[in-house]
C-alpha atoms as a PDB file:
ATOM      1  CA  MET A   1     -50.309  17.957 -35.277  1.00  0.00           C
ATOM      2  CA  ALA A   2     -47.944  20.841 -35.899  1.00  0.00           C
ATOM      3  CA  SER A   3     -50.738  23.314 -35.186  1.00  0.00           C
ATOM      4  CA  ILE A   4     -51.148  21.921 -31.681  1.00  0.00           C
ATOM      5  CA  ARG A   5     -47.420  22.303 -31.089  1.00  0.00           C
ATOM      6  CA  LYS A   6     -47.484  25.867 -32.440  1.00  0.00           C
ATOM      7  CA  LEU A   7     -50.488  26.732 -30.284  1.00  0.00           C
ATOM      8  CA  LYS A   8     -48.691  25.423 -27.187  1.00  0.00           C
ATOM      9  CA  LYS A   9     -45.675  27.569 -28.030  1.00  0.00           C
ATOM     10  CA  ASP A  10     -47.885  30.609 -28.562  1.00  0.00           C
ATOM     11  CA  MET A  11     -49.639  30.026 -25.237  1.00  0.00           C
ATOM     12  CA  ASN A  12     -46.319  29.698 -23.494  1.00  0.00           C
ATOM     13  CA  THR A  13     -44.880  32.803 -25.146  1.00  0.00           C
ATOM     14  CA  VAL A  14     -47.874  35.072 -24.601  1.00  0.00           C
ATOM     15  CA  LEU A  15     -48.488  34.113 -20.991  1.00  0.00           C
ATOM     16  CA  SER A  16     -44.798  34.168 -20.050  1.00  0.00           C
ATOM     17  CA  ASP A  17     -44.544  37.695 -21.500  1.00  0.00           C
ATOM     18  CA  ILE A  18     -47.447  38.725 -19.301  1.00  0.00           C
ATOM     19  CA  ILE A  19     -45.793  37.200 -16.255  1.00  0.00           C
ATOM     20  CA  GLU A  20     -42.536  38.961 -17.119  1.00  0.00           C
ATOM     21  CA  ASP A  21     -44.395  42.299 -17.322  1.00  0.00           C
ATOM     22  CA  CYS A  22     -45.850  41.597 -13.877  1.00  0.00           C
ATOM     23  CA  TYR A  23     -42.353  41.025 -12.496  1.00  0.00           C
ATOM     24  CA  VAL A  24     -41.315  44.414 -13.867  1.00  0.00           C
ATOM     25  CA  CYS A  25     -44.327  46.001 -12.157  1.00  0.00           C
ATOM     26  CA  GLN A  26     -43.374  44.313  -8.922  1.00  0.00           C
ATOM     27  CA  LEU A  27     -39.839  45.678  -9.116  1.00  0.00           C
ATOM     28  CA  ASN A  28     -40.907  49.205  -9.976  1.00  0.00           C
ATOM     29  CA  GLY A  29     -43.969  49.505  -7.752  1.00  0.00           C
ATOM     30  CA  ASP A  30     -44.766  49.546  -4.077  1.00  0.00           C
ATOM     31  CA  ASP A  31     -46.163  46.659  -2.011  1.00  0.00           C
ATOM     32  CA  LYS A  32     -49.739  47.319  -3.116  1.00  0.00           C
ATOM     33  CA  VAL A  33     -48.784  47.117  -6.805  1.00  0.00           C
ATOM     34  CA  ALA A  34     -46.669  44.018  -6.115  1.00  0.00           C
ATOM     35  CA  ALA A  35     -49.634  42.253  -4.520  1.00  0.00           C
ATOM     36  CA  LYS A  36     -51.896  43.075  -7.482  1.00  0.00           C
ATOM     37  CA  ALA A  37     -49.191  41.927  -9.908  1.00  0.00           C
ATOM     38  CA  GLU A  38     -48.922  38.659  -7.982  1.00  0.00           C
ATOM     39  CA  LYS A  39     -52.659  38.080  -8.482  1.00  0.00           C
ATOM     40  CA  ILE A  40     -52.258  38.685 -12.222  1.00  0.00           C
ATOM     41  CA  ILE A  41     -49.386  36.159 -12.290  1.00  0.00           C
ATOM     42  CA  ASP A  42     -51.589  33.589 -10.562  1.00  0.00           C
ATOM     43  CA  GLU A  43     -54.368  34.287 -13.051  1.00  0.00           C
ATOM     44  CA  ALA A  44     -51.963  33.852 -15.992  1.00  0.00           C
ATOM     45  CA  ILE A  45     -50.786  30.511 -14.624  1.00  0.00           C
ATOM     46  CA  GLN A  46     -54.349  29.366 -14.095  1.00  0.00           C
ATOM     47  CA  THR A  47     -55.207  30.452 -17.633  1.00  0.00           C
ATOM     48  CA  PHE A  48     -52.328  28.385 -19.001  1.00  0.00           C
ATOM     49  CA  ASP A  49     -53.450  25.327 -17.047  1.00  0.00           C
ATOM     50  CA  ASP A  50     -57.059  25.728 -18.205  1.00  0.00           C
ATOM     51  CA  LEU A  51     -56.073  26.182 -21.833  1.00  0.00           C
ATOM     52  CA  ILE A  52     -53.794  23.127 -21.778  1.00  0.00           C
ATOM     53  CA  VAL A  53     -56.636  21.009 -20.419  1.00  0.00           C
ATOM     54  CA  LYS A  54     -58.941  22.426 -23.104  1.00  0.00           C
ATOM     55  CA  LEU A  55     -56.323  21.839 -25.774  1.00  0.00           C
ATOM     56  CA  HIS A  56     -55.924  18.165 -24.879  1.00  0.00           C
ATOM     57  CA  GLN A  57     -59.613  17.271 -24.912  1.00  0.00           C
ATOM     58  CA  LYS A  58     -60.096  13.994 -26.710  1.00  0.00           C
ATOM     59  CA  ASP A  59     -63.797  14.163 -27.490  1.00  0.00           C
ATOM     60  CA  VAL A  60     -63.782  16.909 -30.130  1.00  0.00           C
ATOM     61  CA  ASP A  61     -65.627  16.530 -33.387  1.00  0.00           C
ATOM     62  CA  ASN A  62     -63.815  19.159 -35.426  1.00  0.00           C
ATOM     63  CA  LEU A  63     -60.180  19.598 -34.336  1.00  0.00           C
ATOM     64  CA  LYS A  64     -59.588  22.677 -36.476  1.00  0.00           C
ATOM     65  CA  LEU A  65     -62.596  24.468 -35.009  1.00  0.00           C
ATOM     66  CA  HIS A  66     -61.602  23.370 -31.508  1.00  0.00           C
ATOM     67  CA  LEU A  67     -58.078  24.790 -31.897  1.00  0.00           C
ATOM     68  CA  ARG A  68     -59.515  28.073 -33.185  1.00  0.00           C
ATOM     69  CA  GLY A  69     -61.634  28.247 -30.041  1.00  0.00           C
ATOM     70  CA  VAL A  70     -58.614  27.659 -27.816  1.00  0.00           C
ATOM     71  CA  ARG A  71     -56.650  30.329 -29.687  1.00  0.00           C
ATOM     72  CA  ALA A  72     -59.552  32.766 -29.371  1.00  0.00           C
ATOM     73  CA  ALA A  73     -59.733  32.093 -25.633  1.00  0.00           C
ATOM     74  CA  LEU A  74     -55.983  32.721 -25.364  1.00  0.00           C
ATOM     75  CA  ILE A  75     -56.274  36.040 -27.178  1.00  0.00           C
ATOM     76  CA  LYS A  76     -59.250  37.179 -25.119  1.00  0.00           C
ATOM     77  CA  LYS A  77     -57.638  36.283 -21.797  1.00  0.00           C
ATOM     78  CA  SER A  78     -54.268  37.763 -22.736  1.00  0.00           C
ATOM     79  CA  ASP A  79     -55.992  41.034 -23.687  1.00  0.00           C
ATOM     80  CA  GLU A  80     -57.734  41.077 -20.300  1.00  0.00           C
ATOM     81  CA  LEU A  81     -54.501  40.414 -18.413  1.00  0.00           C
ATOM     82  CA  THR A  82     -52.632  43.038 -20.435  1.00  0.00           C
ATOM     83  CA  ALA A  83     -55.318  45.601 -19.615  1.00  0.00           C
ATOM     84  CA  LYS A  84     -54.907  44.801 -15.922  1.00  0.00           C
ATOM     85  CA  ILE A  85     -51.142  45.300 -16.189  1.00  0.00           C
ATOM     86  CA  GLU A  86     -51.603  48.622 -17.968  1.00  0.00           C
ATOM     87  CA  LYS A  87     -53.917  49.709 -15.177  1.00  0.00           C
ATOM     88  CA  LEU A  88     -51.179  48.911 -12.658  1.00  0.00           C
ATOM     89  CA  THR A  89     -48.553  50.957 -14.474  1.00  0.00           C
ATOM     90  CA  ASN A  90     -50.724  54.063 -14.786  1.00  0.00           C
END
């Protein structure tokens, strides 16, 4: 079960870094940028909640394959959120 624990830590680390970057954007930007950053924060929190639910599914046939799918979803979503943050800073 160590891989589940590691995946939870990775999810927490990646998404908290994204939220932290949004806070920096809020501090350095105007009200319009702050509002967009707030939406990205909400999306990151929702992503975390969705991935935790997906991670704790009990009816999986192949746990290893399931965890790879959760990790792939995390990477995909974090790339999307990072691209949105980069768009805010430019």
